[in-house]
C-alpha atoms as a PDB file:
ATOM      1  CA  MET A   1      93.521  24.105-100.759  1.00  0.00           C
ATOM      2  CA  SER A   2      94.187  20.817 -98.984  1.00  0.00           C
ATOM      3  CA  ARG A   3      94.312  20.402 -95.219  1.00  0.00           C
ATOM      4  CA  ARG A   4      94.440  17.245 -93.155  1.00  0.00           C
ATOM      5  CA  ASN A   5      93.081  16.479 -89.711  1.00  0.00           C
ATOM      6  CA  GLY A   6      95.762  13.984 -88.771  1.00  0.00           C
ATOM      7  CA  ALA A   7      99.175  14.621 -87.328  1.00  0.00           C
ATOM      8  CA  GLY A   8     100.643  14.273 -90.785  1.00  0.00           C
ATOM      9  CA  GLY A   9     100.860  11.826 -93.643  1.00  0.00           C
ATOM     10  CA  ALA A  10      98.287  10.561 -96.091  1.00  0.00           C
ATOM     11  CA  ALA A  11      94.661   9.861 -95.390  1.00  0.00           C
ATOM     12  CA  ALA A  12      94.086   6.438 -93.883  1.00  0.00           C
ATOM     13  CA  THR A  13      90.493   5.944 -94.958  1.00  0.00           C
ATOM     14  CA  THR A  14      87.471   7.650 -96.516  1.00  0.00           C
ATOM     15  CA  ALA A  15      84.224   9.287 -95.474  1.00  0.00           C
ATOM     16  CA  VAL A  16      82.372   6.216 -96.727  1.00  0.00           C
ATOM     17  CA  VAL A  17      84.274   3.943 -94.350  1.00  0.00           C
ATOM     18  CA  PHE A  18      83.551   6.299 -91.455  1.00  0.00           C
ATOM     19  CA  GLY A  19      79.855   6.097 -92.348  1.00  0.00           C
ATOM     20  CA  GLU A  20      79.941   2.309 -92.478  1.00  0.00           C
ATOM     21  CA  VAL A  21      81.645   2.087 -89.074  1.00  0.00           C
ATOM     22  CA  LEU A  22      79.093   4.481 -87.591  1.00  0.00           C
ATOM     23  CA  LYS A  23      76.230   2.453 -89.061  1.00  0.00           C
ATOM     24  CA  HIS A  24      77.688  -0.793 -87.685  1.00  0.00           C
ATOM     25  CA  HIS A  25      77.915   0.542 -84.133  1.00  0.00           C
ATOM     26  CA  ARG A  26      74.515   2.244 -84.348  1.00  0.00           C
ATOM     27  CA  GLU A  27      72.797  -0.970 -85.402  1.00  0.00           C
ATOM     28  CA  ALA A  28      74.745  -2.946 -82.793  1.00  0.00           C
ATOM     29  CA  ALA A  29      73.344  -0.549 -80.177  1.00  0.00           C
ATOM     30  CA  GLY A  30      69.820  -1.198 -81.473  1.00  0.00           C
ATOM     31  CA  LEU A  31      69.238   2.392 -82.576  1.00  0.00           C
ATOM     32  CA  THR A  32      67.623   3.725 -85.728  1.00  0.00           C
ATOM     33  CA  GLN A  33      69.010   6.793 -87.457  1.00  0.00           C
ATOM     34  CA  ALA A  34      66.178   8.819 -85.946  1.00  0.00           C
ATOM     35  CA  GLY A  35      66.870   7.368 -82.502  1.00  0.00           C
ATOM     36  CA  LEU A  36      70.538   8.325 -82.625  1.00  0.00           C
ATOM     37  CA  ALA A  37      69.683  11.768 -83.997  1.00  0.00           C
ATOM     38  CA  ARG A  38      67.368  12.447 -81.047  1.00  0.00           C
ATOM     39  CA  LYS A  39      70.100  11.569 -78.558  1.00  0.00           C
ATOM     40  CA  ILE A  40      72.856  13.717 -80.160  1.00  0.00           C
ATOM     41  CA  PRO A  41      70.641  15.851 -80.944  1.00  0.00           C
ATOM     42  CA  CYS A  42      70.511  16.581 -84.680  1.00  0.00           C
ATOM     43  CA  ASP A  43      68.314  15.881 -87.701  1.00  0.00           C
ATOM     44  CA  ARG A  44      67.923  12.279 -88.867  1.00  0.00           C
ATOM     45  CA  SER A  45      68.965  13.373 -92.347  1.00  0.00           C
ATOM     46  CA  HIS A  46      72.355  14.442 -90.970  1.00  0.00           C
ATOM     47  CA  VAL A  47      73.002  10.956 -89.561  1.00  0.00           C
ATOM     48  CA  ALA A  48      71.843   9.414 -92.851  1.00  0.00           C
ATOM     49  CA  ARG A  49      74.210  11.578 -94.898  1.00  0.00           C
ATOM     50  CA  VAL A  50      77.184  10.870 -92.642  1.00  0.00           C
ATOM     51  CA  GLU A  51      76.523   7.127 -92.909  1.00  0.00           C
ATOM     52  CA  ALA A  52      76.275   7.458 -96.699  1.00  0.00           C
ATOM     53  CA  GLY A  53      79.606   9.312 -96.804  1.00  0.00           C
ATOM     54  CA  THR A  54      78.072  12.441 -98.356  1.00  0.00           C
ATOM     55  CA  ARG A  55      78.247  14.738 -95.298  1.00  0.00           C
ATOM     56  CA  VAL A  56      81.353  15.695 -93.350  1.00  0.00           C
ATOM     57  CA  PRO A  57      80.742  15.174 -89.622  1.00  0.00           C
ATOM     58  CA  GLN A  58      82.177  17.581 -87.105  1.00  0.00           C
ATOM     59  CA  GLU A  59      84.459  16.434 -84.307  1.00  0.00           C
ATOM     60  CA  THR A  60      81.692  17.028 -81.770  1.00  0.00           C
ATOM     61  CA  PHE A  61      79.425  14.671 -83.751  1.00  0.00           C
ATOM     62  CA  ALA A  62      82.019  11.888 -83.716  1.00  0.00           C
ATOM     63  CA  LYS A  63      82.638  12.386 -80.001  1.00  0.00           C
ATOM     64  CA  ALA A  64      78.922  12.292 -79.178  1.00  0.00           C
ATOM     65  CA  CYS A  65      78.450   9.102 -81.216  1.00  0.00           C
ATOM     66  CA  ASP A  66      81.376   7.444 -79.425  1.00  0.00           C
ATOM     67  CA  GLU A  67      79.807   8.222 -76.055  1.00  0.00           C
ATOM     68  CA  LEU A  68      76.253   7.262 -77.017  1.00  0.00           C
ATOM     69  CA  LEU A  69      77.213   4.040 -78.808  1.00  0.00           C
ATOM     70  CA  GLY A  70      79.961   2.960 -76.427  1.00  0.00           C
ATOM     71  CA  THR A  71      82.570   2.501 -79.152  1.00  0.00           C
ATOM     72  CA  GLY A  72      85.580   3.111 -76.928  1.00  0.00           C
ATOM     73  CA  GLY A  73      86.651   6.130 -78.979  1.00  0.00           C
ATOM     74  CA  VAL A  74      86.816   4.321 -82.348  1.00  0.00           C
ATOM     75  CA  LEU A  75      84.946   7.040 -84.243  1.00  0.00           C
ATOM     76  CA  MET A  76      87.052   9.886 -82.852  1.00  0.00           C
ATOM     77  CA  ARG A  77      90.286   8.107 -83.783  1.00  0.00           C
ATOM     78  CA  LEU A  78      88.950   7.401 -87.253  1.00  0.00           C
ATOM     79  CA  TRP A  79      87.689  10.971 -87.650  1.00  0.00           C
ATOM     80  CA  GLY A  80      91.140  12.337 -86.838  1.00  0.00           C
ATOM     81  CA  ARG A  81      92.854  10.235 -89.525  1.00  0.00           C
ATOM     82  CA  ILE A  82      90.574  11.084 -92.434  1.00  0.00           C
ATOM     83  CA  ASP A  83      91.463  13.716 -95.000  1.00  0.00           C
ATOM     84  CA  TRP A  84      87.984  15.206 -95.216  1.00  0.00           C
ATOM     85  CA  TYR A  85      88.910  17.993 -97.626  1.00  0.00           C
ATOM     86  CA  PRO A  86      91.445  16.747-100.189  1.00  0.00           C
ATOM     87  CA  GLU A  87      90.310  19.036-103.026  1.00  0.00           C
ATOM     88  CA  VAL A  88      88.369  21.999-101.707  1.00  0.00           C
ATOM     89  CA  GLN A  89      87.704  24.947-104.005  1.00  0.00           C
ATOM     90  CA  HIS A  90      86.834  28.334-102.529  1.00  0.00           C
ATOM     91  CA  PRO A  91      85.307  31.114-104.647  1.00  0.00           C
ATOM     92  CA  ASP A  92      88.100  33.085-106.287  1.00  0.00           C
ATOM     93  CA  TRP A  93      87.305  36.246-104.374  1.00  0.00           C
ATOM     94  CA  PHE A  94      87.477  34.370-101.029  1.00  0.00           C
ATOM     95  CA  GLU A  95      90.625  32.322-101.659  1.00  0.00           C
ATOM     96  CA  ARG A  96      92.891  34.949-100.130  1.00  0.00           C
ATOM     97  CA  ARG A  97      90.875  35.010 -96.893  1.00  0.00           C
ATOM     98  CA  ALA A  98      90.903  31.198 -96.695  1.00  0.00           C
ATOM     99  CA  GLU A  99      94.692  31.223 -97.039  1.00  0.00           C
ATOM    100  CA  MET A 100      94.932  33.670 -94.143  1.00  0.00           C
ATOM    101  CA  ASP A 101      92.692  31.492 -91.955  1.00  0.00           C
ATOM    102  CA  ALA A 102      95.034  28.577 -92.641  1.00  0.00           C
ATOM    103  CA  VAL A 103      97.974  30.335 -90.928  1.00  0.00           C
ATOM    104  CA  ALA A 104      96.461  33.048 -88.687  1.00  0.00           C
ATOM    105  CA  VAL A 105      97.659  33.140 -85.075  1.00  0.00           C
ATOM    106  CA  ALA A 106      94.679  35.205 -83.883  1.00  0.00           C
ATOM    107  CA  LEU A 107      91.293  36.128 -85.285  1.00  0.00           C
ATOM    108  CA  HIS A 108      88.750  38.569 -83.871  1.00  0.00           C
ATOM    109  CA  GLU A 109      85.366  38.881 -85.597  1.00  0.00           C
ATOM    110  CA  TYR A 110      82.181  40.885 -85.282  1.00  0.00           C
ATOM    111  CA  GLN A 111      79.161  39.501 -87.119  1.00  0.00           C
ATOM    112  CA  GLU A 112      75.596  40.625 -87.755  1.00  0.00           C
ATOM    113  CA  ARG A 113      72.522  38.566 -88.788  1.00  0.00           C
ATOM    114  CA  VAL A 114      74.458  35.471 -89.917  1.00  0.00           C
ATOM    115  CA  ILE A 115      76.613  33.082 -87.880  1.00  0.00           C
ATOM    116  CA  PRO A 116      80.296  33.377 -88.933  1.00  0.00           C
ATOM    117  CA  GLY A 117      81.442  30.690 -91.359  1.00  0.00           C
ATOM    118  CA  LEU A 118      83.989  29.328 -88.879  1.00  0.00           C
ATOM    119  CA  LEU A 119      81.155  28.522 -86.458  1.00  0.00           C
ATOM    120  CA  GLN A 120      78.463  27.249 -88.825  1.00  0.00           C
ATOM    121  CA  THR A 121      77.101  23.704 -88.726  1.00  0.00           C
ATOM    122  CA  PRO A 122      76.861  21.779 -92.022  1.00  0.00           C
ATOM    123  CA  ASP A 123      73.054  22.091 -92.090  1.00  0.00           C
ATOM    124  CA  TYR A 124      73.157  25.822 -91.339  1.00  0.00           C
ATOM    125  CA  ALA A 125      75.714  26.416 -94.099  1.00  0.00           C
ATOM    126  CA  ALA A 126      73.705  24.293 -96.547  1.00  0.00           C
ATOM    127  CA  ALA A 127      70.493  26.190 -95.757  1.00  0.00           C
ATOM    128  CA  LEU A 128      72.330  29.482 -96.210  1.00  0.00           C
ATOM    129  CA  PHE A 129      73.866  28.557 -99.567  1.00  0.00           C
ATOM    130  CA  SER A 130      70.587  27.050-100.768  1.00  0.00           C
ATOM    131  CA  GLN A 131      69.110  30.536-100.755  1.00  0.00           C
ATOM    132  CA  VAL A 132      71.262  31.531-103.728  1.00  0.00           C
ATOM    133  CA  MET A 133      72.316  28.251-105.421  1.00  0.00           C
ATOM    134  CA  SER A 134      71.347  24.594-105.704  1.00  0.00           C
ATOM    135  CA  GLY A 135      72.567  21.068-106.359  1.00  0.00           C
ATOM    136  CA  PRO A 136      76.234  20.012-106.184  1.00  0.00           C
ATOM    137  CA  GLU A 137      77.372  23.615-105.886  1.00  0.00           C
ATOM    138  CA  VAL A 138      75.777  23.817-102.438  1.00  0.00           C
ATOM    139  CA  GLU A 139      77.605  20.700-101.225  1.00  0.00           C
ATOM    140  CA  GLU A 140      80.908  21.987-102.595  1.00  0.00           C
ATOM    141  CA  ARG A 141      80.492  25.353-100.877  1.00  0.00           C
ATOM    142  CA  VAL A 142      79.591  23.644 -97.608  1.00  0.00           C
ATOM    143  CA  ARG A 143      82.667  21.402 -97.784  1.00  0.00           C
ATOM    144  CA  ALA A 144      84.849  24.414 -98.501  1.00  0.00           C
ATOM    145  CA  ARG A 145      83.406  26.332 -95.575  1.00  0.00           C
ATOM    146  CA  LEU A 146      83.822  23.465 -93.131  1.00  0.00           C
ATOM    147  CA  SER A 147      87.402  22.919 -94.268  1.00  0.00           C
ATOM    148  CA  ARG A 148      88.311  26.301 -92.751  1.00  0.00           C
ATOM    149  CA  GLN A 149      86.944  25.306 -89.353  1.00  0.00           C
ATOM    150  CA  GLN A 150      89.126  22.311 -88.555  1.00  0.00           C
ATOM    151  CA  ARG A 151      92.206  24.285 -87.548  1.00  0.00           C
ATOM    152  CA  PHE A 152      90.265  26.476 -85.119  1.00  0.00           C
ATOM    153  CA  LEU A 153      88.258  23.593 -83.633  1.00  0.00           C
ATOM    154  CA  ALA A 154      91.290  21.346 -83.164  1.00  0.00           C
ATOM    155  CA  ASP A 155      93.242  21.097 -79.904  1.00  0.00           C
ATOM    156  CA  GLY A 156      95.779  23.891 -79.678  1.00  0.00           C
ATOM    157  CA  GLY A 157      94.023  25.951 -82.336  1.00  0.00           C
ATOM    158  CA  PRO A 158      94.672  29.698 -82.751  1.00  0.00           C
ATOM    159  CA  LEU A 159      92.865  32.293 -80.658  1.00  0.00           C
ATOM    160  CA  TYR A 160      89.401  33.017 -82.034  1.00  0.00           C
ATOM    161  CA  VAL A 161      87.112  35.617 -80.474  1.00  0.00           C
ATOM    162  CA  ALA A 162      83.671  36.099 -82.046  1.00  0.00           C
ATOM    163  CA  LEU A 163      81.276  38.881 -81.077  1.00  0.00           C
ATOM    164  CA  LEU A 164      77.845  38.004 -82.428  1.00  0.00           C
ATOM    165  CA  ASP A 165      75.022  40.482 -82.646  1.00  0.00           C
ATOM    166  CA  GLU A 166      71.923  38.833 -81.166  1.00  0.00           C
ATOM    167  CA  SER A 167      70.365  38.971 -84.644  1.00  0.00           C
ATOM    168  CA  CYS A 168      72.706  36.087 -85.579  1.00  0.00           C
ATOM    169  CA  LEU A 169      70.807  33.876 -83.142  1.00  0.00           C
ATOM    170  CA  ARG A 170      67.329  35.219 -83.884  1.00  0.00           C
ATOM    171  CA  ASN A 171      67.533  35.256 -87.687  1.00  0.00           C
ATOM    172  CA  MET A 172      66.168  31.804 -88.578  1.00  0.00           C
ATOM    173  CA  VAL A 173      68.133  30.065 -91.316  1.00  0.00           C
ATOM    174  CA  GLY A 174      66.675  26.804 -92.616  1.00  0.00           C
ATOM    175  CA  SER A 175      64.350  25.750 -89.806  1.00  0.00           C
ATOM    176  CA  ALA A 176      63.958  25.724 -86.031  1.00  0.00           C
ATOM    177  CA  ALA A 177      65.752  22.358 -85.940  1.00  0.00           C
ATOM    178  CA  VAL A 178      68.710  23.773 -87.889  1.00  0.00           C
ATOM    179  CA  MET A 179      68.895  26.757 -85.533  1.00  0.00           C
ATOM    180  CA  ARG A 180      68.619  24.526 -82.449  1.00  0.00           C
ATOM    181  CA  ASP A 181      71.612  22.486 -83.642  1.00  0.00           C
ATOM    182  CA  GLN A 182      73.483  25.671 -84.557  1.00  0.00           C
ATOM    183  CA  CYS A 183      73.024  27.107 -81.073  1.00  0.00           C
ATOM    184  CA  ALA A 184      74.148  23.802 -79.548  1.00  0.00           C
ATOM    185  CA  HIS A 185      77.282  23.935 -81.708  1.00  0.00           C
ATOM    186  CA  LEU A 186      78.044  27.476 -80.531  1.00  0.00           C
ATOM    187  CA  LEU A 187      77.817  26.313 -76.931  1.00  0.00           C
ATOM    188  CA  GLU A 188      80.142  23.387 -77.635  1.00  0.00           C
ATOM    189  CA  ALA A 189      82.664  25.484 -79.577  1.00  0.00           C
ATOM    190  CA  GLY A 190      82.689  28.139 -76.855  1.00  0.00           C
ATOM    191  CA  ARG A 191      83.969  25.569 -74.347  1.00  0.00           C
ATOM    192  CA  ARG A 192      87.252  25.217 -76.220  1.00  0.00           C
ATOM    193  CA  PRO A 193      90.182  26.995 -74.558  1.00  0.00           C
ATOM    194  CA  ASN A 194      91.079  28.968 -77.708  1.00  0.00           C
ATOM    195  CA  ILE A 195      87.548  30.147 -78.580  1.00  0.00           C
ATOM    196  CA  ARG A 196      85.439  32.838 -76.933  1.00  0.00           C
ATOM    197  CA  ILE A 197      81.937  33.699 -78.142  1.00  0.00           C
ATOM    198  CA  GLN A 198      80.098  36.747 -76.822  1.00  0.00           C
ATOM    199  CA  VAL A 199      76.641  37.944 -77.816  1.00  0.00           C
ATOM    200  CA  VAL A 200      75.781  41.620 -78.219  1.00  0.00           C
ATOM    201  CA  PRO A 201      72.197  41.896 -76.869  1.00  0.00           C
ATOM    202  CA  SER A 202      69.620  43.553 -79.083  1.00  0.00           C
ATOM    203  CA  ASP A 203      68.213  45.547 -76.125  1.00  0.00           C
ATOM    204  CA  ARG A 204      71.457  47.487 -75.600  1.00  0.00           C
ATOM    205  CA  PRO A 205      71.163  50.668 -77.726  1.00  0.00           C
ATOM    206  CA  ASP A 206      73.916  52.232 -75.624  1.00  0.00           C
ATOM    207  CA  VAL A 207      76.516  49.826 -77.037  1.00  0.00           C
ATOM    208  CA  ALA A 208      78.550  51.184 -79.947  1.00  0.00           C
ATOM    209  CA  ARG A 209      78.436  48.553 -82.694  1.00  0.00           C
ATOM    210  CA  PRO A 210      80.622  48.587 -85.827  1.00  0.00           C
ATOM    211  CA  ASN A 211      78.916  49.697 -89.034  1.00  0.00           C
ATOM    212  CA  GLY A 212      79.071  46.155 -90.396  1.00  0.00           C
ATOM    213  CA  SER A 213      80.607  42.732 -89.973  1.00  0.00           C
ATOM    214  CA  MET A 214      84.395  42.644 -89.899  1.00  0.00           C
ATOM    215  CA  SER A 215      87.413  40.477 -89.081  1.00  0.00           C
ATOM    216  CA  LEU A 216      90.740  41.428 -87.512  1.00  0.00           C
ATOM    217  CA  ILE A 217      93.388  38.929 -88.651  1.00  0.00           C
ATOM    218  CA  GLU A 218      96.893  38.539 -87.217  1.00  0.00           C
ATOM    219  CA  LEU A 219      99.409  36.489 -89.208  1.00  0.00           C
ATOM    220  CA  PRO A 220     102.560  34.701 -87.932  1.00  0.00           C
ATOM    221  CA  ASP A 221     104.885  37.416 -89.250  1.00  0.00           C
ATOM    222  CA  GLY A 222     103.031  40.062 -87.243  1.00  0.00           C
ATOM    223  CA  HIS A 223     101.207  41.447 -90.279  1.00  0.00           C
ATOM    224  CA  ARG A 224      97.644  42.461 -89.370  1.00  0.00           C
ATOM    225  CA  TRP A 225      94.662  42.855 -91.671  1.00  0.00           C
ATOM    226  CA  VAL A 226      91.145  44.266 -91.482  1.00  0.00           C
ATOM    227  CA  TYR A 227      88.745  42.184 -93.575  1.00  0.00           C
ATOM    228  CA  SER A 228      85.134  42.866 -94.558  1.00  0.00           C
ATOM    229  CA  GLU A 229      82.774  41.621 -97.253  1.00  0.00           C
ATOM    230  CA  SER A 230      80.279  43.033 -99.703  1.00  0.00           C
ATOM    231  CA  LEU A 231      77.841  40.872-101.667  1.00  0.00           C
ATOM    232  CA  ASP A 232      80.437  38.917-103.659  1.00  0.00           C
ATOM    233  CA  ARG A 233      83.767  40.476-102.805  1.00  0.00           C
ATOM    234  CA  GLY A 234      86.263  40.488 -99.960  1.00  0.00           C
ATOM    235  CA  HIS A 235      87.933  43.721 -98.858  1.00  0.00           C
ATOM    236  CA  PHE A 236      91.416  43.724 -97.262  1.00  0.00           C
ATOM    237  CA  ASN A 237      93.241  46.624 -95.644  1.00  0.00           C
ATOM    238  CA  ASP A 238      96.569  46.439 -93.795  1.00  0.00           C
ATOM    239  CA  ASP A 239      96.892  50.134 -92.950  1.00  0.00           C
ATOM    240  CA  PRO A 240      98.241  50.134 -89.342  1.00  0.00           C
ATOM    241  CA  ALA A 241      96.231  53.203 -88.357  1.00  0.00           C
ATOM    242  CA  LEU A 242      93.011  51.639 -89.642  1.00  0.00           C
ATOM    243  CA  PHE A 243      93.722  48.382 -87.821  1.00  0.00           C
ATOM    244  CA  ARG A 244      94.385  50.243 -84.546  1.00  0.00           C
ATOM    245  CA  ARG A 245      91.136  52.185 -84.901  1.00  0.00           C
ATOM    246  CA  HIS A 246      89.047  49.078 -85.562  1.00  0.00           C
ATOM    247  CA  SER A 247      90.864  47.090 -82.888  1.00  0.00           C
ATOM    248  CA  HIS A 248      90.179  49.817 -80.327  1.00  0.00           C
ATOM    249  CA  ALA A 249      86.455  49.872 -81.235  1.00  0.00           C
ATOM    250  CA  TYR A 250      86.375  46.078 -81.012  1.00  0.00           C
ATOM    251  CA  ASP A 251      87.997  46.031 -77.562  1.00  0.00           C
ATOM    252  CA  VAL A 252      85.547  48.633 -76.253  1.00  0.00           C
ATOM    253  CA  LEU A 253      82.587  46.667 -77.609  1.00  0.00           C
ATOM    254  CA  ARG A 254      83.866  43.441 -76.092  1.00  0.00           C
ATOM    255  CA  ALA A 255      84.241  45.128 -72.708  1.00  0.00           C
ATOM    256  CA  ASP A 256      80.684  46.504 -72.843  1.00  0.00           C
ATOM    257  CA  VAL A 257      78.848  43.277 -73.760  1.00  0.00           C
ATOM    258  CA  PRO A 258      78.060  40.241 -71.552  1.00  0.00           C
ATOM    259  CA  SER A 259      80.873  37.804 -70.842  1.00  0.00           C
ATOM    260  CA  ALA A 260      81.303  34.522 -72.684  1.00  0.00           C
ATOM    261  CA  ARG A 261      79.566  32.680 -69.812  1.00  0.00           C
ATOM    262  CA  GLU A 262      76.623  35.106 -69.745  1.00  0.00           C
ATOM    263  CA  SER A 263      76.427  34.936 -73.543  1.00  0.00           C
ATOM    264  CA  ALA A 264      76.290  31.127 -73.359  1.00  0.00           C
ATOM    265  CA  ALA A 265      73.269  31.441 -71.071  1.00  0.00           C
ATOM    266  CA  LEU A 266      71.535  33.689 -73.612  1.00  0.00           C
ATOM    267  CA  THR A 267      72.391  31.280 -76.423  1.00  0.00           C
ATOM    268  CA  SER A 268      71.002  28.398 -74.358  1.00  0.00           C
ATOM    269  CA  ASP A 269      67.727  30.294 -73.840  1.00  0.00           C
ATOM    270  CA  VAL A 270      67.429  30.940 -77.573  1.00  0.00           C
ATOM    271  CA  MET A 271      68.156  27.262 -78.271  1.00  0.00           C
ATOM    272  CA  LYS A 272      65.371  26.198 -75.902  1.00  0.00           C
ATOM    273  CA  GLY A 273      63.005  28.497 -77.797  1.00  0.00           C
ATOM    274  CA  TYR A 274      63.856  26.733 -81.047  1.00  0.00           C
ATOM    275  CA  GLU A 275      63.413  23.350 -79.330  1.00  0.00           C
ATOM    276  CA  GLN A 276      59.953  24.347 -78.138  1.00  0.00           C
ATOM    277  CA  HIS A 277      59.075  25.648 -81.593  1.00  0.00           C
ATOM    278  CA  GLU A 278      60.181  22.373 -83.189  1.00  0.00           C
ATOM    279  CA  GLN A 279      58.335  20.309 -80.577  1.00  0.00           C
ATOM    280  CA  SER A 280      55.170  22.358 -81.062  1.00  0.00           C
ATOM    281  CA  ARG A 281      55.431  21.952 -84.829  1.00  0.00           C
ATOM    282  CA  SER A 282      55.873  18.211 -84.426  1.00  0.00           C
ATOM    283  CA  GLU A 283      52.868  17.988 -82.113  1.00  0.00           C
ATOM    284  CA  ARG A 284      50.753  20.007 -84.541  1.00  0.00           C
ATOM    285  CA  GLY A 285      51.832  17.664 -87.300  1.00  0.00           C
ATOM    286  CA  ASP A 286      50.863  14.619 -85.228  1.00  0.00           C
ATOM    287  CA  LEU A 287      47.516  16.217 -84.387  1.00  0.00           C
ATOM    288  CA  GLY A 288      46.897  17.073 -88.027  1.00  0.00           C
ATOM    289  CA  GLN A 289      47.734  13.516 -89.052  1.00  0.00           C
ATOM    290  CA  LYS A 290      45.308  12.094 -86.480  1.00  0.00           C
ATOM    291  CA  GLN A 291      42.558  14.469 -87.630  1.00  0.00           C
ATOM    292  CA  LEU A 292      43.198  13.476 -91.248  1.00  0.00           C
ATOM    293  CA  GLN A 293      43.005   9.798 -90.346  1.00  0.00           C
ATOM    294  CA  ARG A 294      39.703  10.341 -88.496  1.00  0.00           C
ATOM    295  CA  GLN A 295      38.345  12.297 -91.457  1.00  0.00           C
ATOM    296  CA  GLN A 296      39.372   9.533 -93.847  1.00  0.00           C
ATOM    297  CA  ARG A 297      37.678   6.928 -91.642  1.00  0.00           C
ATOM    298  CA  ARG A 298      34.472   8.966 -91.573  1.00  0.00           C
ATOM    299  CA  GLN A 299      34.562   9.371 -95.351  1.00  0.00           C
ATOM    300  CA  LEU A 300      35.163   5.650 -95.761  1.00  0.00           C
ATOM    301  CA  HIS A 301      32.262   4.909 -93.469  1.00  0.00           C
ATOM    302  CA  ARG A 302      29.930   7.270 -95.353  1.00  0.00           C
ATOM    303  CA  SER A 303      30.949   5.872 -98.722  1.00  0.00           C
ATOM    304  CA  SER A 304      30.588   2.218 -97.729  1.00  0.00           C
ATOM    305  CA  PRO A 305      27.390   0.435 -98.856  1.00  0.00           C
ATOM    306  CA  ARG A 306      24.500   0.533 -96.416  1.00  0.00           C
ATOM    307  CA  TYR A 307      22.338  -2.456 -95.729  1.00  0.00           C
ATOM    308  CA  PRO A 308      18.833  -2.176 -94.230  1.00  0.00           C
ATOM    309  CA  ARG A 309      18.598  -3.361 -90.691  1.00  0.00           C
ATOM    310  CA  ARG A 310      16.331  -6.338 -90.166  1.00  0.00           C
ATOM    311  CA  ARG A 311      13.774  -5.553 -87.548  1.00  0.00           C
ATOM    312  CA  PRO A 312      12.327  -8.337 -85.381  1.00  0.00           C
ATOM    313  CA  ARG A 313       8.769  -9.248 -86.204  1.00  0.00           C
ATOM    314  CA  PRO A 314       6.119  -8.538 -83.572  1.00  0.00           C
END
C-alpha cells in the first residue's frame, strides 16, 4: 500500500538525500551525531541511521533538527515531499486493518501492555519486532507500521483517541532510552488537535477496563467496526449492537480516567524515571570503565620489570 506525505504528485527526493542534507547542516553547526542526539533527545544510532537513509524519521524529528540546527525549515519542507513508503507490505492478516486506517474518519483505541502501533517510535517498534524476528524483516515491519502513522500525525488528520493502560508505559521494551523517547513522542503526539491520549492508572481497581485491547473504527460511509487481535490474527465485527456496547464501555472508561492533560503529567513523570535510569546506567558504566583502567594500570605496574634501588653509601 503506497501513501505519500506531500500534497500530491511524485516523490521529489529520497531518504538518502534527506540524510545527506541533515548531515551537512549538523556538521555546519559543529555537532557530532551524539551531540545532536542529546539535544533532540534520541539515541545516536537513530541519527546515524537517518543520515544513512536507512531509518524513516518522524515529522517531530525533522522539526526538532530544523530548530536545533537553524536550517530555516529546510528539513521539514524536504520531509514533507518525500515518499517514505513507496512499497510497504503489511502481513496478510493485517492488510485489511491497514486499509481501514488509510480512510478512517475516527479511531478510538484501548491498549494494554504495548504502545499502539500508531503511536510507536521507530526504535520502540524495532525493539518489539526484534523479539520475534530478525534482520531485514524487522526493518520492513517497522516501515510498514510507521507508514500507517503519517495520516494521523499530519495536519488535519482524523480524530484519534487512545486510552492506554499504565502498563503500556511501565512495560520496558528495548531499553530505558527507547522508553524515554517513546514517552516523549506520546507527549508530542498528544499536543496535536486531532489526537487525545489518556492513561488508565494502575492504582484504580474501581475502573472497569475492557477484557483486552480493542479498536473502534468509523469509516467515511458511516460503517463502524470493532477490531481486536489475537497472536497472529485480526478480528473484525460490524454488528451494530456489539459496536454500541463496546462504544458505551469505552465512553464510560474515558470519563472515569484522568484527562489528557493529567495523563500527560503522568507520562512525563514516567519519562523522567527512564531518564534517571539511563543516566544512572551511564554513570555506572563510566565508573566501571575508570575502575577497569585503574586495575589495568596496577597490573601493568606489577608486571613491569623491577630494578633495585641504589642506596647512597655511608
